[in-house]
């Protein structure tokens, strides 16, 4: 786990694919590893276990409250990069489809009229053989939002155990989804901070 930035108030890491954000059935996690190094570590947001990329954690209770409020009020800015199966014929667009938990198959999510409003903006970066590399900006933060929205569009993510068909799943042992950019305001100074981390696929 790579540390991208650290001061007295917050720490920003590059979470590898396969590592939990917080402990669950497996104890090892981003939060657990940092707790062994710092007196206080506050979990602000999460990435799916299979997703890699930028996570920010608070090192003081005040920073936890401040940055969590930024996420809650949608004053943060997040950009993801993904490789999806299929050649997307357009340059950019958005997906506005409501999502809810697929209870018989949880933790899978599904598009459903009774779900919560969910909006994703996307932009094509390039075509790579039978796959497309895309940039994804979630306006909302629903569970598995980017993965389900791209599947609903007809382009499942490469290596996605939950949503990819056999051919897309077989292309990689890991999910090709990476949180590559995060912008927040520093909890003490209010200064904008932008963190970037290149996709490892």
Foldseek 3Di string as FASTA:
>chain_A
DAWQDDDQWKTKGWFAAQAWCDDDVHHGHPQNVVVVVAVDWAAQDTDPNQETEIGMITRDPLSSVQQNVCVVVVVKWWKKKFKWFADDPDFWDKFWFFKDDPVVDPPDIAGDPPHHTWMKIKGWDQDDVRITMMMITTSDDDVCRVQRRCVVVVIHTACDPPRDDPVSNVVDVGTGMYTAKMWDARSPPRHIDMGGDDRPD
